[in-house]
Amino acid sequence: MKQGISLTVNNAANINLGSQVGMINAAVNVISQQGQSEVATAIRELGEAIVRSGAMQDHQKQEALQVIADIAKQAESKLEGRSSGTLKALIAGFPAIIGLAADVTTLWDKYAPVIRAFFGI
């Protein structure tokens, strides 16, 4: 199973994507080590789809990756350290950020139930 997100930075506008992808990669590794491979796969694949998406503008990619990075950080935290209000807002708002990016929307439709179930939302 592929664990990393591969990112090539082509211009200055994409530099911020690298730090977000790095945070996602680190969290995915921790989540996988915790035995939560389904959630780790969901987060990894969503991050990859956002980076690859040709339908999203750079600012949308940055926002979407930040949401995925924040969800990943919550997932790697212990249950008592998670913020259910933050998680609900992140999960509810994500579809508006990805807009009409069909490739990312398709994956979100596939993985949103996995993520919601993991967090009990």
PDB file of N, CA and C in Angstrom:
ATOM      1  N   MET A   1       0.844  -1.179   0.000  1.00  0.00           N
ATOM      2  CA  MET A   1       0.000   0.000   0.000  1.00  0.00           C
ATOM      3  C   MET A   1       0.885   1.236   0.000  1.00  0.00           C
ATOM      4  N   LYS A   2       0.594   2.153  -0.884  1.00  0.00           N
ATOM      5  CA  LYS A   2       1.340   3.390  -1.003  1.00  0.00           C
ATOM      6  C   LYS A   2       0.994   4.292   0.173  1.00  0.00           C
ATOM      7  N   GLN A   3       1.999   4.793   0.871  1.00  0.00           N
ATOM      8  CA  GLN A   3       1.747   5.590   2.061  1.00  0.00           C
ATOM      9  C   GLN A   3       1.943   7.084   1.866  1.00  0.00           C
ATOM     10  N   GLY A   4       2.702   7.512   0.850  1.00  0.00           N
ATOM     11  CA  GLY A   4       3.011   8.919   0.713  1.00  0.00           C
ATOM     12  C   GLY A   4       2.204   9.606  -0.354  1.00  0.00           C
ATOM     13  N   ILE A   5       2.194  10.913  -0.295  1.00  0.00           N
ATOM     14  CA  ILE A   5       1.574  11.714  -1.330  1.00  0.00           C
ATOM     15  C   ILE A   5       2.710  12.338  -2.111  1.00  0.00           C
ATOM     16  N   SER A   6       2.687  12.145  -3.388  1.00  0.00           N
ATOM     17  CA  SER A   6       3.748  12.634  -4.243  1.00  0.00           C
ATOM     18  C   SER A   6       3.367  14.008  -4.777  1.00  0.00           C
ATOM     19  N   LEU A   7       4.222  14.990  -4.577  1.00  0.00           N
ATOM     20  CA  LEU A   7       3.910  16.353  -4.970  1.00  0.00           C
ATOM     21  C   LEU A   7       5.109  16.971  -5.659  1.00  0.00           C
ATOM     22  N   THR A   8       4.862  17.562  -6.803  1.00  0.00           N
ATOM     23  CA  THR A   8       5.885  18.325  -7.494  1.00  0.00           C
ATOM     24  C   THR A   8       5.476  19.787  -7.434  1.00  0.00           C
ATOM     25  N   VAL A   9       6.347  20.620  -6.929  1.00  0.00           N
ATOM     26  CA  VAL A   9       6.056  22.041  -6.819  1.00  0.00           C
ATOM     27  C   VAL A   9       6.530  22.712  -8.106  1.00  0.00           C
ATOM     28  N   ASN A  10       5.576  23.252  -8.880  1.00  0.00           N
ATOM     29  CA  ASN A  10       5.884  23.845 -10.175  1.00  0.00           C
ATOM     30  C   ASN A  10       6.028  25.356 -10.138  1.00  0.00           C
ATOM     31  N   ASN A  11       5.412  26.005  -9.164  1.00  0.00           N
ATOM     32  CA  ASN A  11       5.540  27.457  -9.086  1.00  0.00           C
ATOM     33  C   ASN A  11       5.355  27.918  -7.654  1.00  0.00           C
ATOM     34  N   ALA A  12       5.625  29.173  -7.412  1.00  0.00           N
ATOM     35  CA  ALA A  12       5.596  29.703  -6.047  1.00  0.00           C
ATOM     36  C   ALA A  12       4.227  29.574  -5.399  1.00  0.00           C
ATOM     37  N   ALA A  13       3.162  29.646  -6.173  1.00  0.00           N
ATOM     38  CA  ALA A  13       1.814  29.558  -5.609  1.00  0.00           C
ATOM     39  C   ALA A  13       1.564  28.202  -4.976  1.00  0.00           C
ATOM     40  N   ASN A  14       2.269  27.175  -5.439  1.00  0.00           N
ATOM     41  CA  ASN A  14       2.067  25.835  -4.906  1.00  0.00           C
ATOM     42  C   ASN A  14       2.968  25.505  -3.723  1.00  0.00           C
ATOM     43  N   ILE A  15       3.844  26.411  -3.315  1.00  0.00           N
ATOM     44  CA  ILE A  15       4.786  26.095  -2.247  1.00  0.00           C
ATOM     45  C   ILE A  15       4.056  25.719  -0.968  1.00  0.00           C
ATOM     46  N   ASN A  16       2.984  26.403  -0.641  1.00  0.00           N
ATOM     47  CA  ASN A  16       2.247  26.103   0.573  1.00  0.00           C
ATOM     48  C   ASN A  16       1.656  24.700   0.544  1.00  0.00           C
ATOM     49  N   LEU A  17       1.371  24.163  -0.632  1.00  0.00           N
ATOM     50  CA  LEU A  17       0.829  22.811  -0.721  1.00  0.00           C
ATOM     51  C   LEU A  17       1.805  21.802  -0.147  1.00  0.00           C
ATOM     52  N   GLY A  18       3.088  22.038  -0.327  1.00  0.00           N
ATOM     53  CA  GLY A  18       4.102  21.107   0.162  1.00  0.00           C
ATOM     54  C   GLY A  18       4.055  20.934   1.667  1.00  0.00           C
ATOM     55  N   SER A  19       3.890  22.011   2.418  1.00  0.00           N
ATOM     56  CA  SER A  19       3.841  21.891   3.874  1.00  0.00           C
ATOM     57  C   SER A  19       2.568  21.178   4.321  1.00  0.00           C
ATOM     58  N   GLN A  20       1.464  21.454   3.634  1.00  0.00           N
ATOM     59  CA  GLN A  20       0.217  20.776   3.981  1.00  0.00           C
ATOM     60  C   GLN A  20       0.310  19.286   3.672  1.00  0.00           C
ATOM     61  N   VAL A  21       0.896  18.955   2.527  1.00  0.00           N
ATOM     62  CA  VAL A  21       1.064  17.551   2.151  1.00  0.00           C
ATOM     63  C   VAL A  21       1.979  16.859   3.160  1.00  0.00           C
ATOM     64  N   GLY A  22       3.007  17.550   3.603  1.00  0.00           N
ATOM     65  CA  GLY A  22       3.899  16.983   4.609  1.00  0.00           C
ATOM     66  C   GLY A  22       3.173  16.669   5.904  1.00  0.00           C
ATOM     67  N   MET A  23       2.301  17.578   6.335  1.00  0.00           N
ATOM     68  CA  MET A  23       1.510  17.333   7.547  1.00  0.00           C
ATOM     69  C   MET A  23       0.586  16.142   7.353  1.00  0.00           C
ATOM     70  N   ILE A  24      -0.020  16.039   6.172  1.00  0.00           N
ATOM     71  CA  ILE A  24      -0.917  14.921   5.877  1.00  0.00           C
ATOM     72  C   ILE A  24      -0.131  13.614   5.884  1.00  0.00           C
ATOM     73  N   ASN A  25       1.038  13.599   5.240  1.00  0.00           N
ATOM     74  CA  ASN A  25       1.865  12.387   5.205  1.00  0.00           C
ATOM     75  C   ASN A  25       2.225  11.920   6.612  1.00  0.00           C
ATOM     76  N   ALA A  26       2.661  12.853   7.440  1.00  0.00           N
ATOM     77  CA  ALA A  26       3.055  12.506   8.803  1.00  0.00           C
ATOM     78  C   ALA A  26       1.874  11.923   9.576  1.00  0.00           C
ATOM     79  N   ALA A  27       0.722  12.550   9.450  1.00  0.00           N
ATOM     80  CA  ALA A  27      -0.466  12.065  10.159  1.00  0.00           C
ATOM     81  C   ALA A  27      -0.912  10.706   9.631  1.00  0.00           C
ATOM     82  N   VAL A  28      -0.867  10.512   8.310  1.00  0.00           N
ATOM     83  CA  VAL A  28      -1.250   9.227   7.715  1.00  0.00           C
ATOM     84  C   VAL A  28      -0.365   8.106   8.259  1.00  0.00           C
ATOM     85  N   ASN A  29       0.931   8.376   8.395  1.00  0.00           N
ATOM     86  CA  ASN A  29       1.839   7.363   8.940  1.00  0.00           C
ATOM     87  C   ASN A  29       1.458   6.989  10.368  1.00  0.00           C
ATOM     88  N   VAL A  30       1.155   7.984  11.190  1.00  0.00           N
ATOM     89  CA  VAL A  30       0.753   7.724  12.580  1.00  0.00           C
ATOM     90  C   VAL A  30      -0.568   6.954  12.618  1.00  0.00           C
ATOM     91  N   ILE A  31      -1.526   7.398  11.823  1.00  0.00           N
ATOM     92  CA  ILE A  31      -2.845   6.744  11.802  1.00  0.00           C
ATOM     93  C   ILE A  31      -2.705   5.294  11.358  1.00  0.00           C
ATOM     94  N   SER A  32      -1.877   5.036  10.364  1.00  0.00           N
ATOM     95  CA  SER A  32      -1.639   3.659   9.899  1.00  0.00           C
ATOM     96  C   SER A  32      -1.019   2.814  11.003  1.00  0.00           C
ATOM     97  N   GLN A  33      -0.045   3.391  11.711  1.00  0.00           N
ATOM     98  CA  GLN A  33       0.612   2.672  12.803  1.00  0.00           C
ATOM     99  C   GLN A  33      -0.348   2.378  13.946  1.00  0.00           C
ATOM    100  N   GLN A  34      -1.395   3.166  14.060  1.00  0.00           N
ATOM    101  CA  GLN A  34      -2.410   2.954  15.091  1.00  0.00           C
ATOM    102  C   GLN A  34      -3.424   1.894  14.659  1.00  0.00           C
ATOM    103  N   GLY A  35      -3.224   1.323  13.463  1.00  0.00           N
ATOM    104  CA  GLY A  35      -4.108   0.266  12.980  1.00  0.00           C
ATOM    105  C   GLY A  35      -5.373   0.767  12.304  1.00  0.00           C
ATOM    106  N   GLN A  36      -5.388   2.009  11.926  1.00  0.00           N
ATOM    107  CA  GLN A  36      -6.572   2.601  11.294  1.00  0.00           C
ATOM    108  C   GLN A  36      -6.320   2.785   9.799  1.00  0.00           C
ATOM    109  N   SER A  37      -6.038   1.696   9.102  1.00  0.00           N
ATOM    110  CA  SER A  37      -5.634   1.782   7.705  1.00  0.00           C
ATOM    111  C   SER A  37      -6.729   2.326   6.789  1.00  0.00           C
ATOM    112  N   GLU A  38      -7.994   2.054   7.099  1.00  0.00           N
ATOM    113  CA  GLU A  38      -9.073   2.534   6.239  1.00  0.00           C
ATOM    114  C   GLU A  38      -9.151   4.068   6.254  1.00  0.00           C
ATOM    115  N   VAL A  39      -9.047   4.647   7.425  1.00  0.00           N
ATOM    116  CA  VAL A  39      -9.074   6.106   7.545  1.00  0.00           C
ATOM    117  C   VAL A  39      -7.803   6.700   6.943  1.00  0.00           C
ATOM    118  N   ALA A  40      -6.663   6.058   7.177  1.00  0.00           N
ATOM    119  CA  ALA A  40      -5.398   6.529   6.607  1.00  0.00           C
ATOM    120  C   ALA A  40      -5.476   6.534   5.083  1.00  0.00           C
ATOM    121  N   THR A  41      -6.027   5.486   4.508  1.00  0.00           N
ATOM    122  CA  THR A  41      -6.185   5.411   3.050  1.00  0.00           C
ATOM    123  C   THR A  41      -7.105   6.511   2.552  1.00  0.00           C
ATOM    124  N   ALA A  42      -8.207   6.743   3.247  1.00  0.00           N
ATOM    125  CA  ALA A  42      -9.149   7.793   2.847  1.00  0.00           C
ATOM    126  C   ALA A  42      -8.461   9.157   2.831  1.00  0.00           C
ATOM    127  N   ILE A  43      -7.740   9.463   3.881  1.00  0.00           N
ATOM    128  CA  ILE A  43      -7.063  10.756   3.989  1.00  0.00           C
ATOM    129  C   ILE A  43      -5.987  10.880   2.918  1.00  0.00           C
ATOM    130  N   ARG A  44      -5.197   9.841   2.729  1.00  0.00           N
ATOM    131  CA  ARG A  44      -4.125   9.861   1.736  1.00  0.00           C
ATOM    132  C   ARG A  44      -4.681  10.054   0.329  1.00  0.00           C
ATOM    133  N   GLU A  45      -5.705   9.280  -0.024  1.00  0.00           N
ATOM    134  CA  GLU A  45      -6.267   9.371  -1.375  1.00  0.00           C
ATOM    135  C   GLU A  45      -6.949  10.721  -1.624  1.00  0.00           C
ATOM    136  N   LEU A  46      -7.612  11.257  -0.627  1.00  0.00           N
ATOM    137  CA  LEU A  46      -8.212  12.584  -0.791  1.00  0.00           C
ATOM    138  C   LEU A  46      -7.132  13.644  -1.005  1.00  0.00           C
ATOM    139  N   GLY A  47      -6.073  13.568  -0.232  1.00  0.00           N
ATOM    140  CA  GLY A  47      -4.968  14.512  -0.411  1.00  0.00           C
ATOM    141  C   GLY A  47      -4.358  14.415  -1.795  1.00  0.00           C
ATOM    142  N   GLU A  48      -4.133  13.198  -2.258  1.00  0.00           N
ATOM    143  CA  GLU A  48      -3.572  12.995  -3.597  1.00  0.00           C
ATOM    144  C   GLU A  48      -4.493  13.548  -4.680  1.00  0.00           C
ATOM    145  N   ALA A  49      -5.794  13.310  -4.530  1.00  0.00           N
ATOM    146  CA  ALA A  49      -6.759  13.784  -5.526  1.00  0.00           C
ATOM    147  C   ALA A  49      -6.787  15.311  -5.583  1.00  0.00           C
ATOM    148  N   ILE A  50      -6.678  15.944  -4.434  1.00  0.00           N
ATOM    149  CA  ILE A  50      -6.671  17.413  -4.394  1.00  0.00           C
ATOM    150  C   ILE A  50      -5.441  17.947  -5.122  1.00  0.00           C
ATOM    151  N   VAL A  51      -4.287  17.380  -4.821  1.00  0.00           N
ATOM    152  CA  VAL A  51      -3.046  17.837  -5.459  1.00  0.00           C
ATOM    153  C   VAL A  51      -3.120  17.659  -6.970  1.00  0.00           C
ATOM    154  N   ARG A  52      -3.672  16.544  -7.429  1.00  0.00           N
ATOM    155  CA  ARG A  52      -3.754  16.235  -8.867  1.00  0.00           C
ATOM    156  C   ARG A  52      -4.839  17.005  -9.598  1.00  0.00           C
ATOM    157  N   SER A  53      -5.838  17.457  -8.904  1.00  0.00           N
ATOM    158  CA  SER A  53      -7.030  18.015  -9.535  1.00  0.00           C
ATOM    159  C   SER A  53      -6.710  19.172 -10.476  1.00  0.00           C
ATOM    160  N   GLY A  54      -7.195  19.056 -11.699  1.00  0.00           N
ATOM    161  CA  GLY A  54      -7.074  20.138 -12.662  1.00  0.00           C
ATOM    162  C   GLY A  54      -8.257  21.088 -12.592  1.00  0.00           C
ATOM    163  N   ALA A  55      -9.308  20.686 -11.884  1.00  0.00           N
ATOM    164  CA  ALA A  55     -10.522  21.490 -11.804  1.00  0.00           C
ATOM    165  C   ALA A  55     -10.482  22.515 -10.674  1.00  0.00           C
ATOM    166  N   MET A  56      -9.513  22.373  -9.776  1.00  0.00           N
ATOM    167  CA  MET A  56      -9.444  23.267  -8.622  1.00  0.00           C
ATOM    168  C   MET A  56      -8.359  24.319  -8.828  1.00  0.00           C
ATOM    169  N   GLN A  57      -8.653  25.543  -8.409  1.00  0.00           N
ATOM    170  CA  GLN A  57      -7.672  26.622  -8.410  1.00  0.00           C
ATOM    171  C   GLN A  57      -6.707  26.392  -7.235  1.00  0.00           C
ATOM    172  N   ASP A  58      -5.541  27.029  -7.287  1.00  0.00           N
ATOM    173  CA  ASP A  58      -4.549  26.856  -6.228  1.00  0.00           C
ATOM    174  C   ASP A  58      -5.103  27.194  -4.845  1.00  0.00           C
ATOM    175  N   HIS A  59      -5.866  28.293  -4.740  1.00  0.00           N
ATOM    176  CA  HIS A  59      -6.408  28.666  -3.433  1.00  0.00           C
ATOM    177  C   HIS A  59      -7.400  27.617  -2.920  1.00  0.00           C
ATOM    178  N   GLN A  60      -8.161  26.991  -3.827  1.00  0.00           N
ATOM    179  CA  GLN A  60      -9.079  25.923  -3.425  1.00  0.00           C
ATOM    180  C   GLN A  60      -8.287  24.705  -2.942  1.00  0.00           C
ATOM    181  N   LYS A  61      -7.218  24.379  -3.650  1.00  0.00           N
ATOM    182  CA  LYS A  61      -6.372  23.253  -3.244  1.00  0.00           C
ATOM    183  C   LYS A  61      -5.789  23.501  -1.858  1.00  0.00           C
ATOM    184  N   GLN A  62      -5.318  24.722  -1.619  1.00  0.00           N
ATOM    185  CA  GLN A  62      -4.755  25.057  -0.309  1.00  0.00           C
ATOM    186  C   GLN A  62      -5.791  24.891   0.794  1.00  0.00           C
ATOM    187  N   GLU A  63      -6.991  25.410   0.551  1.00  0.00           N
ATOM    188  CA  GLU A  63      -8.057  25.292   1.548  1.00  0.00           C
ATOM    189  C   GLU A  63      -8.448  23.835   1.772  1.00  0.00           C
ATOM    190  N   ALA A  64      -8.607  23.095   0.672  1.00  0.00           N
ATOM    191  CA  ALA A  64      -9.012  21.688   0.778  1.00  0.00           C
ATOM    192  C   ALA A  64      -7.945  20.856   1.480  1.00  0.00           C
ATOM    193  N   LEU A  65      -6.684  21.087   1.146  1.00  0.00           N
ATOM    194  CA  LEU A  65      -5.606  20.350   1.816  1.00  0.00           C
ATOM    195  C   LEU A  65      -5.525  20.715   3.288  1.00  0.00           C
ATOM    196  N   GLN A  66      -5.810  21.975   3.623  1.00  0.00           N
ATOM    197  CA  GLN A  66      -5.804  22.361   5.034  1.00  0.00           C
ATOM    198  C   GLN A  66      -6.892  21.618   5.804  1.00  0.00           C
ATOM    199  N   VAL A  67      -8.071  21.476   5.195  1.00  0.00           N
ATOM    200  CA  VAL A  67      -9.152  20.722   5.840  1.00  0.00           C
ATOM    201  C   VAL A  67      -8.727  19.269   6.039  1.00  0.00           C
ATOM    202  N   ILE A  68      -8.156  18.656   5.000  1.00  0.00           N
ATOM    203  CA  ILE A  68      -7.725  17.264   5.120  1.00  0.00           C
ATOM    204  C   ILE A  68      -6.614  17.136   6.164  1.00  0.00           C
ATOM    205  N   ALA A  69      -5.681  18.090   6.190  1.00  0.00           N
ATOM    206  CA  ALA A  69      -4.613  18.069   7.197  1.00  0.00           C
ATOM    207  C   ALA A  69      -5.198  18.193   8.608  1.00  0.00           C
ATOM    208  N   ASP A  70      -6.191  19.060   8.775  1.00  0.00           N
ATOM    209  CA  ASP A  70      -6.824  19.220  10.094  1.00  0.00           C
ATOM    210  C   ASP A  70      -7.588  17.958  10.498  1.00  0.00           C
ATOM    211  N   ILE A  71      -8.282  17.345   9.559  1.00  0.00           N
ATOM    212  CA  ILE A  71      -8.976  16.085   9.846  1.00  0.00           C
ATOM    213  C   ILE A  71      -7.954  15.011  10.215  1.00  0.00           C
ATOM    214  N   ALA A  72      -6.848  14.968   9.485  1.00  0.00           N
ATOM    215  CA  ALA A  72      -5.800  13.983   9.762  1.00  0.00           C
ATOM    216  C   ALA A  72      -5.216  14.194  11.160  1.00  0.00           C
ATOM    217  N   LYS A  73      -4.976  15.447  11.538  1.00  0.00           N
ATOM    218  CA  LYS A  73      -4.459  15.741  12.876  1.00  0.00           C
ATOM    219  C   LYS A  73      -5.428  15.277  13.955  1.00  0.00           C
ATOM    220  N   GLN A  74      -6.710  15.493  13.720  1.00  0.00           N
ATOM    221  CA  GLN A  74      -7.721  15.039  14.680  1.00  0.00           C
ATOM    222  C   GLN A  74      -7.729  13.510  14.755  1.00  0.00           C
ATOM    223  N   ALA A  75      -7.567  12.858  13.604  1.00  0.00           N
ATOM    224  CA  ALA A  75      -7.592  11.391  13.558  1.00  0.00           C
ATOM    225  C   ALA A  75      -6.414  10.782  14.296  1.00  0.00           C
ATOM    226  N   GLU A  76      -5.268  11.440  14.283  1.00  0.00           N
ATOM    227  CA  GLU A  76      -4.108  10.882  14.966  1.00  0.00           C
ATOM    228  C   GLU A  76      -4.134  11.169  16.464  1.00  0.00           C
ATOM    229  N   SER A  77      -5.004  12.073  16.896  1.00  0.00           N
ATOM    230  CA  SER A  77      -5.137  12.389  18.316  1.00  0.00           C
ATOM    231  C   SER A  77      -5.933  11.310  19.036  1.00  0.00           C
ATOM    232  N   LYS A  78      -5.707  11.209  20.319  1.00  0.00           N
ATOM    233  CA  LYS A  78      -6.511  10.308  21.146  1.00  0.00           C
ATOM    234  C   LYS A  78      -7.938  10.841  21.199  1.00  0.00           C
ATOM    235  N   LEU A  79      -8.879   9.946  21.419  1.00  0.00           N
ATOM    236  CA  LEU A  79     -10.298  10.287  21.412  1.00  0.00           C
ATOM    237  C   LEU A  79     -10.604  11.509  22.278  1.00  0.00           C
ATOM    238  N   GLU A  80     -10.040  11.554  23.484  1.00  0.00           N
ATOM    239  CA  GLU A  80     -10.341  12.659  24.399  1.00  0.00           C
ATOM    240  C   GLU A  80      -9.722  13.988  23.947  1.00  0.00           C
ATOM    241  N   GLY A  81      -8.781  13.946  23.009  1.00  0.00           N
ATOM    242  CA  GLY A  81      -8.153  15.156  22.521  1.00  0.00           C
ATOM    243  C   GLY A  81      -8.789  15.713  21.263  1.00  0.00           C
ATOM    244  N   ARG A  82      -9.801  15.047  20.768  1.00  0.00           N
ATOM    245  CA  ARG A  82     -10.457  15.484  19.525  1.00  0.00           C
ATOM    246  C   ARG A  82     -11.540  16.512  19.815  1.00  0.00           C
ATOM    247  N   SER A  83     -11.729  17.408  18.870  1.00  0.00           N
ATOM    248  CA  SER A  83     -12.764  18.426  18.985  1.00  0.00           C
ATOM    249  C   SER A  83     -13.910  18.068  18.045  1.00  0.00           C
ATOM    250  N   SER A  84     -15.014  17.587  18.603  1.00  0.00           N
ATOM    251  CA  SER A  84     -16.125  17.158  17.746  1.00  0.00           C
ATOM    252  C   SER A  84     -16.746  18.329  16.986  1.00  0.00           C
ATOM    253  N   GLY A  85     -16.792  19.490  17.587  1.00  0.00           N
ATOM    254  CA  GLY A  85     -17.334  20.661  16.888  1.00  0.00           C
ATOM    255  C   GLY A  85     -16.484  21.043  15.689  1.00  0.00           C
ATOM    256  N   THR A  86     -15.183  21.037  15.877  1.00  0.00           N
ATOM    257  CA  THR A  86     -14.266  21.327  14.775  1.00  0.00           C
ATOM    258  C   THR A  86     -14.413  20.296  13.678  1.00  0.00           C
ATOM    259  N   LEU A  87     -14.458  19.033  14.058  1.00  0.00           N
ATOM    260  CA  LEU A  87     -14.594  17.959  13.073  1.00  0.00           C
ATOM    261  C   LEU A  87     -15.883  18.079  12.281  1.00  0.00           C
ATOM    262  N   LYS A  88     -16.977  18.343  12.966  1.00  0.00           N
ATOM    263  CA  LYS A  88     -18.258  18.491  12.273  1.00  0.00           C
ATOM    264  C   LYS A  88     -18.201  19.630  11.266  1.00  0.00           C
ATOM    265  N   ALA A  89     -17.595  20.746  11.655  1.00  0.00           N
ATOM    266  CA  ALA A  89     -17.492  21.896  10.753  1.00  0.00           C
ATOM    267  C   ALA A  89     -16.598  21.580   9.559  1.00  0.00           C
ATOM    268  N   LEU A  90     -15.471  20.916   9.799  1.00  0.00           N
ATOM    269  CA  LEU A  90     -14.561  20.561   8.708  1.00  0.00           C
ATOM    270  C   LEU A  90     -15.244  19.642   7.705  1.00  0.00           C
ATOM    271  N   ILE A  91     -15.896  18.610   8.220  1.00  0.00           N
ATOM    272  CA  ILE A  91     -16.541  17.618   7.356  1.00  0.00           C
ATOM    273  C   ILE A  91     -17.724  18.232   6.610  1.00  0.00           C
ATOM    274  N   ALA A  92     -18.501  19.060   7.292  1.00  0.00           N
ATOM    275  CA  ALA A  92     -19.660  19.691   6.643  1.00  0.00           C
ATOM    276  C   ALA A  92     -19.234  20.704   5.584  1.00  0.00           C
ATOM    277  N   GLY A  93     -18.150  21.414   5.820  1.00  0.00           N
ATOM    278  CA  GLY A  93     -17.726  22.461   4.901  1.00  0.00           C
ATOM    279  C   GLY A  93     -16.891  21.993   3.723  1.00  0.00           C
ATOM    280  N   PHE A  94     -16.333  20.794   3.807  1.00  0.00           N
ATOM    281  CA  PHE A  94     -15.426  20.317   2.763  1.00  0.00           C
ATOM    282  C   PHE A  94     -16.057  20.299   1.373  1.00  0.00           C
ATOM    283  N   PRO A  95     -17.299  19.818   1.200  1.00  0.00           N
ATOM    284  CA  PRO A  95     -17.886  19.812  -0.154  1.00  0.00           C
ATOM    285  C   PRO A  95     -17.951  21.194  -0.799  1.00  0.00           C
ATOM    286  N   ALA A  96     -18.161  22.244  -0.016  1.00  0.00           N
ATOM    287  CA  ALA A  96     -18.204  23.592  -0.577  1.00  0.00           C
ATOM    288  C   ALA A  96     -16.832  24.024  -1.083  1.00  0.00           C
ATOM    289  N   ILE A  97     -15.774  23.577  -0.438  1.00  0.00           N
ATOM    290  CA  ILE A  97     -14.417  23.946  -0.855  1.00  0.00           C
ATOM    291  C   ILE A  97     -14.037  23.251  -2.157  1.00  0.00           C
ATOM    292  N   ILE A  98     -14.384  21.975  -2.269  1.00  0.00           N
ATOM    293  CA  ILE A  98     -13.979  21.243  -3.476  1.00  0.00           C
ATOM    294  C   ILE A  98     -14.855  21.569  -4.671  1.00  0.00           C
ATOM    295  N   GLY A  99     -15.998  22.170  -4.429  1.00  0.00           N
ATOM    296  CA  GLY A  99     -16.853  22.648  -5.509  1.00  0.00           C
ATOM    297  C   GLY A  99     -17.203  21.578  -6.521  1.00  0.00           C
ATOM    298  N   LEU A 100     -16.931  21.865  -7.766  1.00  0.00           N
ATOM    299  CA  LEU A 100     -17.319  20.978  -8.859  1.00  0.00           C
ATOM    300  C   LEU A 100     -16.172  20.098  -9.335  1.00  0.00           C
ATOM    301  N   ALA A 101     -15.144  19.932  -8.533  1.00  0.00           N
ATOM    302  CA  ALA A 101     -14.019  19.067  -8.907  1.00  0.00           C
ATOM    303  C   ALA A 101     -14.494  17.612  -8.805  1.00  0.00           C
ATOM    304  N   ALA A 102     -14.958  17.066  -9.919  1.00  0.00           N
ATOM    305  CA  ALA A 102     -15.606  15.752  -9.935  1.00  0.00           C
ATOM    306  C   ALA A 102     -14.713  14.653  -9.377  1.00  0.00           C
ATOM    307  N   ASP A 103     -13.413  14.687  -9.678  1.00  0.00           N
ATOM    308  CA  ASP A 103     -12.521  13.641  -9.197  1.00  0.00           C
ATOM    309  C   ASP A 103     -12.442  13.636  -7.670  1.00  0.00           C
ATOM    310  N   VAL A 104     -12.361  14.810  -7.071  1.00  0.00           N
ATOM    311  CA  VAL A 104     -12.285  14.903  -5.617  1.00  0.00           C
ATOM    312  C   VAL A 104     -13.655  14.625  -5.000  1.00  0.00           C
ATOM    313  N   THR A 105     -14.713  15.111  -5.621  1.00  0.00           N
ATOM    314  CA  THR A 105     -16.065  14.880  -5.114  1.00  0.00           C
ATOM    315  C   THR A 105     -16.399  13.392  -5.089  1.00  0.00           C
ATOM    316  N   THR A 106     -15.996  12.676  -6.131  1.00  0.00           N
ATOM    317  CA  THR A 106     -16.239  11.232  -6.178  1.00  0.00           C
ATOM    318  C   THR A 106     -15.548  10.532  -5.018  1.00  0.00           C
ATOM    319  N   LEU A 107     -14.298  10.892  -4.751  1.00  0.00           N
ATOM    320  CA  LEU A 107     -13.589  10.292  -3.618  1.00  0.00           C
ATOM    321  C   LEU A 107     -14.211  10.704  -2.291  1.00  0.00           C
ATOM    322  N   TRP A 108     -14.638  11.955  -2.178  1.00  0.00           N
ATOM    323  CA  TRP A 108     -15.280  12.400  -0.939  1.00  0.00           C
ATOM    324  C   TRP A 108     -16.557  11.600  -0.687  1.00  0.00           C
ATOM    325  N   ASP A 109     -17.338  11.400  -1.740  1.00  0.00           N
ATOM    326  CA  ASP A 109     -18.558  10.602  -1.597  1.00  0.00           C
ATOM    327  C   ASP A 109     -18.238   9.186  -1.131  1.00  0.00           C
ATOM    328  N   LYS A 110     -17.121   8.654  -1.593  1.00  0.00           N
ATOM    329  CA  LYS A 110     -16.691   7.308  -1.206  1.00  0.00           C
ATOM    330  C   LYS A 110     -16.191   7.275   0.241  1.00  0.00           C
ATOM    331  N   TYR A 111     -15.385   8.259   0.626  1.00  0.00           N
ATOM    332  CA  TYR A 111     -14.700   8.215   1.915  1.00  0.00           C
ATOM    333  C   TYR A 111     -15.355   9.003   3.038  1.00  0.00           C
ATOM    334  N   ALA A 112     -16.277   9.897   2.748  1.00  0.00           N
ATOM    335  CA  ALA A 112     -16.937  10.654   3.817  1.00  0.00           C
ATOM    336  C   ALA A 112     -17.587   9.727   4.847  1.00  0.00           C
ATOM    337  N   PRO A 113     -18.279   8.650   4.419  1.00  0.00           N
ATOM    338  CA  PRO A 113     -18.852   7.752   5.428  1.00  0.00           C
ATOM    339  C   PRO A 113     -17.788   7.081   6.304  1.00  0.00           C
ATOM    340  N   VAL A 114     -16.640   6.763   5.736  1.00  0.00           N
ATOM    341  CA  VAL A 114     -15.540   6.156   6.506  1.00  0.00           C
ATOM    342  C   VAL A 114     -15.041   7.140   7.555  1.00  0.00           C
ATOM    343  N   ILE A 115     -14.838   8.385   7.130  1.00  0.00           N
ATOM    344  CA  ILE A 115     -14.338   9.409   8.046  1.00  0.00           C
ATOM    345  C   ILE A 115     -15.381   9.725   9.117  1.00  0.00           C
ATOM    346  N   ARG A 116     -16.638   9.874   8.699  1.00  0.00           N
ATOM    347  CA  ARG A 116     -17.694  10.155   9.683  1.00  0.00           C
ATOM    348  C   ARG A 116     -17.810   9.018  10.701  1.00  0.00           C
ATOM    349  N   ALA A 117     -17.774   7.786  10.238  1.00  0.00           N
ATOM    350  CA  ALA A 117     -17.881   6.632  11.139  1.00  0.00           C
ATOM    351  C   ALA A 117     -16.704   6.597  12.106  1.00  0.00           C
ATOM    352  N   PHE A 118     -15.511   6.885  11.618  1.00  0.00           N
ATOM    353  CA  PHE A 118     -14.320   6.871  12.472  1.00  0.00           C
ATOM    354  C   PHE A 118     -14.483   7.858  13.625  1.00  0.00           C
ATOM    355  N   PHE A 119     -15.013   9.033  13.320  1.00  0.00           N
ATOM    356  CA  PHE A 119     -15.159  10.072  14.344  1.00  0.00           C
ATOM    357  C   PHE A 119     -16.508  10.006  15.062  1.00  0.00           C
ATOM    358  N   GLY A 120     -17.389   9.104  14.641  1.00  0.00           N
ATOM    359  CA  GLY A 120     -18.692   8.995  15.281  1.00  0.00           C
ATOM    360  C   GLY A 120     -19.591  10.184  14.984  1.00  0.00           C
ATOM    361  N   ILE A 121     -19.475  10.726  13.775  1.00  0.00           N
ATOM    362  CA  ILE A 121     -20.257  11.912  13.393  1.00  0.00           C
ATOM    363  C   ILE A 121     -21.323  11.502  12.411  1.00  0.00           C
TER     364      ILE A 121
END
